[in-house]
PDB file of N, CA and C in Angstrom:
ATOM      1  N   MET A   1       0.697  -1.388  -0.249  1.00  0.00           N
ATOM      2  CA  MET A   1       0.302   0.098   0.701  1.00  0.00           C
ATOM      3  C   MET A   1       0.468   1.229  -0.274  1.00  0.00           C
ATOM      4  N   ALA A   2       0.221   2.081  -0.876  1.00  0.00           N
ATOM      5  CA  ALA A   2       1.118   3.423  -0.993  1.00  0.00           C
ATOM      6  C   ALA A   2       0.830   4.228   0.558  1.00  0.00           C
ATOM      7  N   LYS A   3       2.035   5.294   0.807  1.00  0.00           N
ATOM      8  CA  LYS A   3       1.762   5.849   1.893  1.00  0.00           C
ATOM      9  C   LYS A   3       1.662   7.116   1.470  1.00  0.00           C
ATOM     10  N   GLY A   4       0.622   7.930   2.426  1.00  0.00           N
ATOM     11  CA  GLY A   4      -0.321   9.024   1.582  1.00  0.00           C
ATOM     12  C   GLY A   4       0.788  10.655   1.705  1.00  0.00           C
ATOM     13  N   ASN A   5       0.848  11.818   0.879  1.00  0.00           N
ATOM     14  CA  ASN A   5       1.576  12.719   1.724  1.00  0.00           C
ATOM     15  C   ASN A   5       0.825  13.634   2.593  1.00  0.00           C
ATOM     16  N   LYS A   6       0.624  12.795   4.234  1.00  0.00           N
ATOM     17  CA  LYS A   6       0.139  13.347   5.278  1.00  0.00           C
ATOM     18  C   LYS A   6       0.983  13.418   5.677  1.00  0.00           C
ATOM     19  N   LYS A   7       0.991  15.325   6.255  1.00  0.00           N
ATOM     20  CA  LYS A   7       1.774  15.582   8.120  1.00  0.00           C
ATOM     21  C   LYS A   7       1.366  15.101   8.554  1.00  0.00           C
ATOM     22  N   SER A   8       2.867  14.503   8.940  1.00  0.00           N
ATOM     23  CA  SER A   8       2.708  13.760  11.335  1.00  0.00           C
ATOM     24  C   SER A   8       2.985  14.734  11.904  1.00  0.00           C
ATOM     25  N   THR A   9       1.600  14.124  12.423  1.00  0.00           N
ATOM     26  CA  THR A   9       1.044  15.112  13.740  1.00  0.00           C
ATOM     27  C   THR A   9       2.363  16.362  14.146  1.00  0.00           C
ATOM     28  N   SER A  10       3.115  15.663  13.953  1.00  0.00           N
ATOM     29  CA  SER A  10       4.486  16.890  14.990  1.00  0.00           C
ATOM     30  C   SER A  10       4.412  17.474  14.691  1.00  0.00           C
ATOM     31  N   GLU A  11       4.268  18.064  13.212  1.00  0.00           N
ATOM     32  CA  GLU A  11       4.318  19.593  12.086  1.00  0.00           C
ATOM     33  C   GLU A  11       3.039  20.163  13.008  1.00  0.00           C
ATOM     34  N   SER A  12       2.063  19.502  12.166  1.00  0.00           N
ATOM     35  CA  SER A  12       1.046  20.418  12.259  1.00  0.00           C
ATOM     36  C   SER A  12       0.255  21.256  14.021  1.00  0.00           C
ATOM     37  N   GLU A  13       0.702  19.644  14.858  1.00  0.00           N
ATOM     38  CA  GLU A  13       1.429  20.735  16.424  1.00  0.00           C
ATOM     39  C   GLU A  13       1.800  21.493  16.345  1.00  0.00           C
ATOM     40  N   PHE A  14       3.071  21.961  16.345  1.00  0.00           N
ATOM     41  CA  PHE A  14       3.701  22.571  16.723  1.00  0.00           C
ATOM     42  C   PHE A  14       4.112  23.756  15.313  1.00  0.00           C
ATOM     43  N   LEU A  15       4.393  25.196  15.681  1.00  0.00           N
ATOM     44  CA  LEU A  15       5.437  26.171  14.914  1.00  0.00           C
ATOM     45  C   LEU A  15       6.557  26.105  14.761  1.00  0.00           C
ATOM     46  N   LEU A  16       7.641  26.274  13.790  1.00  0.00           N
ATOM     47  CA  LEU A  16       9.239  26.487  13.975  1.00  0.00           C
ATOM     48  C   LEU A  16       9.509  27.662  14.402  1.00  0.00           C
ATOM     49  N   PHE A  17      10.623  28.045  14.941  1.00  0.00           N
ATOM     50  CA  PHE A  17      11.113  29.105  14.710  1.00  0.00           C
ATOM     51  C   PHE A  17      12.398  29.281  14.894  1.00  0.00           C
ATOM     52  N   ASN A  18      13.255  30.408  14.168  1.00  0.00           N
ATOM     53  CA  ASN A  18      14.969  30.350  14.415  1.00  0.00           C
ATOM     54  C   ASN A  18      15.193  31.512  15.535  1.00  0.00           C
ATOM     55  N   VAL A  19      16.057  31.799  16.622  1.00  0.00           N
ATOM     56  CA  VAL A  19      16.094  32.558  17.346  1.00  0.00           C
ATOM     57  C   VAL A  19      17.621  32.947  17.494  1.00  0.00           C
ATOM     58  N   PHE A  20      17.516  34.475  17.705  1.00  0.00           N
ATOM     59  CA  PHE A  20      19.128  35.444  17.376  1.00  0.00           C
ATOM     60  C   PHE A  20      19.261  35.640  18.593  1.00  0.00           C
ATOM     61  N   TYR A  21      20.557  35.724  19.241  1.00  0.00           N
ATOM     62  CA  TYR A  21      20.068  36.171  20.821  1.00  0.00           C
ATOM     63  C   TYR A  21      21.417  37.477  20.316  1.00  0.00           C
ATOM     64  N   GLU A  22      21.327  38.079  21.581  1.00  0.00           N
ATOM     65  CA  GLU A  22      22.620  38.957  21.988  1.00  0.00           C
ATOM     66  C   GLU A  22      23.454  38.969  21.313  1.00  0.00           C
ATOM     67  N   ASP A  23      24.186  38.372  21.771  1.00  0.00           N
ATOM     68  CA  ASP A  23      25.809  37.735  21.936  1.00  0.00           C
ATOM     69  C   ASP A  23      26.104  37.334  21.504  1.00  0.00           C
ATOM     70  N   GLY A  24      25.089  37.459  20.139  1.00  0.00           N
ATOM     71  CA  GLY A  24      25.584  36.395  18.761  1.00  0.00           C
ATOM     72  C   GLY A  24      25.052  34.871  18.055  1.00  0.00           C
ATOM     73  N   ALA A  25      24.502  34.663  19.024  1.00  0.00           N
ATOM     74  CA  ALA A  25      24.242  32.538  19.415  1.00  0.00           C
ATOM     75  C   ALA A  25      22.777  32.924  18.611  1.00  0.00           C
ATOM     76  N   GLN A  26      22.621  32.217  18.115  1.00  0.00           N
ATOM     77  CA  GLN A  26      21.367  31.174  16.788  1.00  0.00           C
ATOM     78  C   GLN A  26      20.512  29.981  18.043  1.00  0.00           C
ATOM     79  N   THR A  27      19.564  29.429  17.417  1.00  0.00           N
ATOM     80  CA  THR A  27      19.819  28.351  17.557  1.00  0.00           C
ATOM     81  C   THR A  27      18.285  28.376  16.731  1.00  0.00           C
ATOM     82  N   SER A  28      17.730  27.156  15.716  1.00  0.00           N
ATOM     83  CA  SER A  28      17.398  26.455  14.895  1.00  0.00           C
ATOM     84  C   SER A  28      15.465  25.552  14.862  1.00  0.00           C
ATOM     85  N   ASN A  29      14.507  26.051  14.677  1.00  0.00           N
ATOM     86  CA  ASN A  29      14.193  25.073  14.580  1.00  0.00           C
ATOM     87  C   ASN A  29      13.136  25.034  16.241  1.00  0.00           C
ATOM     88  N   ARG A  30      13.247  25.953  17.434  1.00  0.00           N
ATOM     89  CA  ARG A  30      12.947  25.789  18.591  1.00  0.00           C
ATOM     90  C   ARG A  30      11.322  25.956  18.065  1.00  0.00           C
ATOM     91  N   LYS A  31      10.147  24.591  19.154  1.00  0.00           N
ATOM     92  CA  LYS A  31       9.059  24.392  18.697  1.00  0.00           C
ATOM     93  C   LYS A  31       8.441  25.389  19.684  1.00  0.00           C
ATOM     94  N   VAL A  32       7.734  25.755  19.322  1.00  0.00           N
ATOM     95  CA  VAL A  32       6.442  26.951  20.213  1.00  0.00           C
ATOM     96  C   VAL A  32       5.227  25.832  19.799  1.00  0.00           C
ATOM     97  N   ALA A  33       3.575  25.109  21.222  1.00  0.00           N
ATOM     98  CA  ALA A  33       2.750  24.456  20.379  1.00  0.00           C
ATOM     99  C   ALA A  33       1.441  25.727  19.663  1.00  0.00           C
ATOM    100  N   ARG A  34       1.315  25.285  18.312  1.00  0.00           N
ATOM    101  CA  ARG A  34       0.369  25.794  17.422  1.00  0.00           C
ATOM    102  C   ARG A  34      -1.295  25.926  18.336  1.00  0.00           C
ATOM    103  N   SER A  35      -1.770  24.862  19.906  1.00  0.00           N
ATOM    104  CA  SER A  35      -2.147  25.602  20.753  1.00  0.00           C
ATOM    105  C   SER A  35      -2.304  26.396  21.428  1.00  0.00           C
ATOM    106  N   GLU A  36      -1.254  27.264  21.887  1.00  0.00           N
ATOM    107  CA  GLU A  36      -1.335  28.092  22.572  1.00  0.00           C
ATOM    108  C   GLU A  36      -1.252  29.747  22.094  1.00  0.00           C
ATOM    109  N   LEU A  37      -0.631  30.040  20.366  1.00  0.00           N
ATOM    110  CA  LEU A  37      -1.019  30.809  19.607  1.00  0.00           C
ATOM    111  C   LEU A  37      -2.127  30.600  19.149  1.00  0.00           C
ATOM    112  N   SER A  38      -3.189  32.439  19.343  1.00  0.00           N
ATOM    113  CA  SER A  38      -4.335  32.875  18.639  1.00  0.00           C
ATOM    114  C   SER A  38      -4.530  32.383  16.889  1.00  0.00           C
ATOM    115  N   GLY A  39      -3.640  32.724  16.407  1.00  0.00           N
ATOM    116  CA  GLY A  39      -3.202  33.312  14.957  1.00  0.00           C
ATOM    117  C   GLY A  39      -2.372  34.213  14.277  1.00  0.00           C
ATOM    118  N   PHE A  40      -1.600  34.383  14.098  1.00  0.00           N
ATOM    119  CA  PHE A  40      -0.548  35.545  14.160  1.00  0.00           C
ATOM    120  C   PHE A  40      -0.311  36.768  14.286  1.00  0.00           C
ATOM    121  N   SER A  41      -1.500  36.906  16.123  1.00  0.00           N
ATOM    122  CA  SER A  41      -1.379  38.422  15.666  1.00  0.00           C
ATOM    123  C   SER A  41      -0.012  39.051  16.371  1.00  0.00           C
ATOM    124  N   GLU A  42      -0.235  39.867  16.839  1.00  0.00           N
ATOM    125  CA  GLU A  42       0.662  40.782  17.645  1.00  0.00           C
ATOM    126  C   GLU A  42       1.006  40.363  18.790  1.00  0.00           C
ATOM    127  N   ASP A  43      -0.136  40.170  19.300  1.00  0.00           N
ATOM    128  CA  ASP A  43      -0.183  38.783  20.887  1.00  0.00           C
ATOM    129  C   ASP A  43       0.662  37.924  20.801  1.00  0.00           C
ATOM    130  N   ASP A  44       0.416  37.186  19.558  1.00  0.00           N
ATOM    131  CA  ASP A  44       0.815  35.851  20.117  1.00  0.00           C
ATOM    132  C   ASP A  44       2.498  35.871  19.509  1.00  0.00           C
ATOM    133  N   GLU A  45       3.134  37.193  19.575  1.00  0.00           N
ATOM    134  CA  GLU A  45       4.983  37.503  18.778  1.00  0.00           C
ATOM    135  C   GLU A  45       4.927  37.789  20.667  1.00  0.00           C
ATOM    136  N   ASP A  46       4.578  38.208  21.755  1.00  0.00           N
ATOM    137  CA  ASP A  46       4.978  37.601  23.313  1.00  0.00           C
ATOM    138  C   ASP A  46       4.641  35.977  23.994  1.00  0.00           C
ATOM    139  N   ILE A  47       3.920  35.709  23.266  1.00  0.00           N
ATOM    140  CA  ILE A  47       3.826  34.050  23.689  1.00  0.00           C
ATOM    141  C   ILE A  47       4.398  33.432  22.732  1.00  0.00           C
ATOM    142  N   ILE A  48       5.213  33.876  21.822  1.00  0.00           N
ATOM    143  CA  ILE A  48       6.144  33.055  21.455  1.00  0.00           C
ATOM    144  C   ILE A  48       7.398  33.115  21.795  1.00  0.00           C
ATOM    145  N   ARG A  49       7.639  34.727  22.207  1.00  0.00           N
ATOM    146  CA  ARG A  49       8.817  35.041  22.860  1.00  0.00           C
ATOM    147  C   ARG A  49       9.427  34.223  24.164  1.00  0.00           C
ATOM    148  N   ARG A  50       7.861  34.015  25.418  1.00  0.00           N
ATOM    149  CA  ARG A  50       7.332  34.068  26.231  1.00  0.00           C
ATOM    150  C   ARG A  50       7.472  32.415  26.268  1.00  0.00           C
ATOM    151  N   SER A  51       7.328  31.913  25.434  1.00  0.00           N
ATOM    152  CA  SER A  51       7.512  30.107  25.533  1.00  0.00           C
ATOM    153  C   SER A  51       8.868  29.787  25.400  1.00  0.00           C
ATOM    154  N   ILE A  52       9.729  30.916  24.188  1.00  0.00           N
ATOM    155  CA  ILE A  52      11.285  30.358  23.992  1.00  0.00           C
ATOM    156  C   ILE A  52      11.866  29.942  25.266  1.00  0.00           C
ATOM    157  N   GLU A  53      11.904  31.661  26.192  1.00  0.00           N
ATOM    158  CA  GLU A  53      12.280  31.655  26.771  1.00  0.00           C
ATOM    159  C   GLU A  53      12.168  31.561  28.288  1.00  0.00           C
ATOM    160  N   GLU A  54      10.574  30.949  28.320  1.00  0.00           N
ATOM    161  CA  GLU A  54      10.233  28.954  29.499  1.00  0.00           C
ATOM    162  C   GLU A  54      11.093  28.568  29.204  1.00  0.00           C
ATOM    163  N   GLN A  55      11.797  28.182  27.753  1.00  0.00           N
ATOM    164  CA  GLN A  55      12.761  26.728  27.045  1.00  0.00           C
ATOM    165  C   GLN A  55      13.518  27.016  28.110  1.00  0.00           C
ATOM    166  N   ASP A  56      13.815  27.790  27.021  1.00  0.00           N
ATOM    167  CA  ASP A  56      15.281  28.822  27.886  1.00  0.00           C
ATOM    168  C   ASP A  56      15.441  28.576  29.248  1.00  0.00           C
ATOM    169  N   ALA A  57      14.979  28.679  29.971  1.00  0.00           N
ATOM    170  CA  ALA A  57      15.267  28.881  31.699  1.00  0.00           C
ATOM    171  C   ALA A  57      14.818  27.419  31.961  1.00  0.00           C
ATOM    172  N   LYS A  58      14.884  26.553  31.137  1.00  0.00           N
ATOM    173  CA  LYS A  58      14.572  24.824  31.873  1.00  0.00           C
ATOM    174  C   LYS A  58      16.569  24.093  31.269  1.00  0.00           C
ATOM    175  N   ILE A  59      16.747  24.516  29.805  1.00  0.00           N
ATOM    176  CA  ILE A  59      17.289  24.863  29.757  1.00  0.00           C
ATOM    177  C   ILE A  59      19.174  24.548  30.307  1.00  0.00           C
ATOM    178  N   ALA A  60      18.481  26.113  30.829  1.00  0.00           N
ATOM    179  CA  ALA A  60      20.142  26.581  32.082  1.00  0.00           C
ATOM    180  C   ALA A  60      19.464  26.381  33.096  1.00  0.00           C
ATOM    181  N   ALA A  61      18.786  25.686  33.730  1.00  0.00           N
ATOM    182  CA  ALA A  61      18.939  25.374  34.969  1.00  0.00           C
ATOM    183  C   ALA A  61      19.678  23.771  34.741  1.00  0.00           C
ATOM    184  N   MET A  62      19.331  22.846  34.010  1.00  0.00           N
ATOM    185  CA  MET A  62      19.564  21.337  33.098  1.00  0.00           C
ATOM    186  C   MET A  62      21.247  21.885  32.944  1.00  0.00           C
ATOM    187  N   SER A  63      21.188  22.831  32.050  1.00  0.00           N
ATOM    188  CA  SER A  63      23.027  22.558  31.846  1.00  0.00           C
ATOM    189  C   SER A  63      23.907  22.907  32.481  1.00  0.00           C
ATOM    190  N   GLY A  64      22.931  24.928  33.444  1.00  0.00           N
ATOM    191  CA  GLY A  64      23.500  25.230  33.896  1.00  0.00           C
ATOM    192  C   GLY A  64      24.470  26.791  33.072  1.00  0.00           C
ATOM    193  N   LYS A  65      24.288  26.515  31.675  1.00  0.00           N
ATOM    194  CA  LYS A  65      24.494  27.583  31.185  1.00  0.00           C
ATOM    195  C   LYS A  65      23.198  28.609  30.150  1.00  0.00           C
ATOM    196  N   PRO A  66      22.805  29.890  31.476  1.00  0.00           N
ATOM    197  CA  PRO A  66      21.974  30.266  31.161  1.00  0.00           C
ATOM    198  C   PRO A  66      22.336  31.289  29.811  1.00  0.00           C
ATOM    199  N   ARG A  67      21.114  31.681  28.584  1.00  0.00           N
ATOM    200  CA  ARG A  67      20.887  32.051  28.029  1.00  0.00           C
ATOM    201  C   ARG A  67      20.882  33.968  27.420  1.00  0.00           C
ATOM    202  N   GLY A  68      21.187  34.594  26.651  1.00  0.00           N
ATOM    203  CA  GLY A  68      21.556  36.196  27.044  1.00  0.00           C
ATOM    204  C   GLY A  68      20.313  35.863  26.706  1.00  0.00           C
ATOM    205  N   PRO A  69      20.093  37.494  26.042  1.00  0.00           N
ATOM    206  CA  PRO A  69      18.329  38.218  26.035  1.00  0.00           C
ATOM    207  C   PRO A  69      18.117  37.840  24.534  1.00  0.00           C
ATOM    208  N   ILE A  70      17.095  37.863  23.812  1.00  0.00           N
ATOM    209  CA  ILE A  70      16.965  37.385  22.622  1.00  0.00           C
ATOM    210  C   ILE A  70      16.824  38.493  21.909  1.00  0.00           C
ATOM    211  N   LYS A  71      17.367  38.919  20.714  1.00  0.00           N
ATOM    212  CA  LYS A  71      17.344  39.378  19.423  1.00  0.00           C
ATOM    213  C   LYS A  71      16.290  39.486  18.827  1.00  0.00           C
ATOM    214  N   SER A  72      15.765  38.863  17.986  1.00  0.00           N
ATOM    215  CA  SER A  72      14.977  38.264  16.993  1.00  0.00           C
ATOM    216  C   SER A  72      14.779  36.590  17.493  1.00  0.00           C
ATOM    217  N   ILE A  73      13.262  36.345  16.801  1.00  0.00           N
ATOM    218  CA  ILE A  73      13.094  35.470  16.349  1.00  0.00           C
ATOM    219  C   ILE A  73      12.292  35.874  14.916  1.00  0.00           C
ATOM    220  N   LEU A  74      12.385  34.358  14.110  1.00  0.00           N
ATOM    221  CA  LEU A  74      12.099  34.556  12.863  1.00  0.00           C
ATOM    222  C   LEU A  74      11.359  33.346  12.477  1.00  0.00           C
ATOM    223  N   PRO A  75      10.681  32.989  12.421  1.00  0.00           N
ATOM    224  CA  PRO A  75       9.427  31.619  11.527  1.00  0.00           C
ATOM    225  C   PRO A  75      10.278  30.770  10.998  1.00  0.00           C
ATOM    226  N   VAL A  76      10.724  29.527  11.076  1.00  0.00           N
ATOM    227  CA  VAL A  76      11.634  29.087   9.847  1.00  0.00           C
ATOM    228  C   VAL A  76      10.573  28.635   8.647  1.00  0.00           C
ATOM    229  N   ASP A  77      11.054  29.178   7.554  1.00  0.00           N
ATOM    230  CA  ASP A  77      10.408  28.832   6.055  1.00  0.00           C
ATOM    231  C   ASP A  77      10.388  27.473   5.962  1.00  0.00           C
ATOM    232  N   ARG A  78       8.736  26.240   6.270  1.00  0.00           N
ATOM    233  CA  ARG A  78       8.936  25.141   5.711  1.00  0.00           C
ATOM    234  C   ARG A  78       8.190  25.199   4.176  1.00  0.00           C
ATOM    235  N   ARG A  79       9.635  24.986   3.418  1.00  0.00           N
ATOM    236  CA  ARG A  79       8.708  24.854   1.477  1.00  0.00           C
ATOM    237  C   ARG A  79       8.947  23.937   1.112  1.00  0.00           C
TER     238      ARG A  79
END
């Protein structure tokens, strides 16, 4: 039987973002749950930033290496 071209569950449940920090560091493909967002409004920018900052805080707590402030967040182009 042939496989369909359905998106995987994980792709449809999350949006991916590239995060750039003020110190020049960057991280790619950071996930934010689609269910947290209302649609791409200005409020979503704050929600996305808070979600990524919370992820950074958890990572820093486990690694002992805190991240610097976020400079910008850009959606990943999923072509």
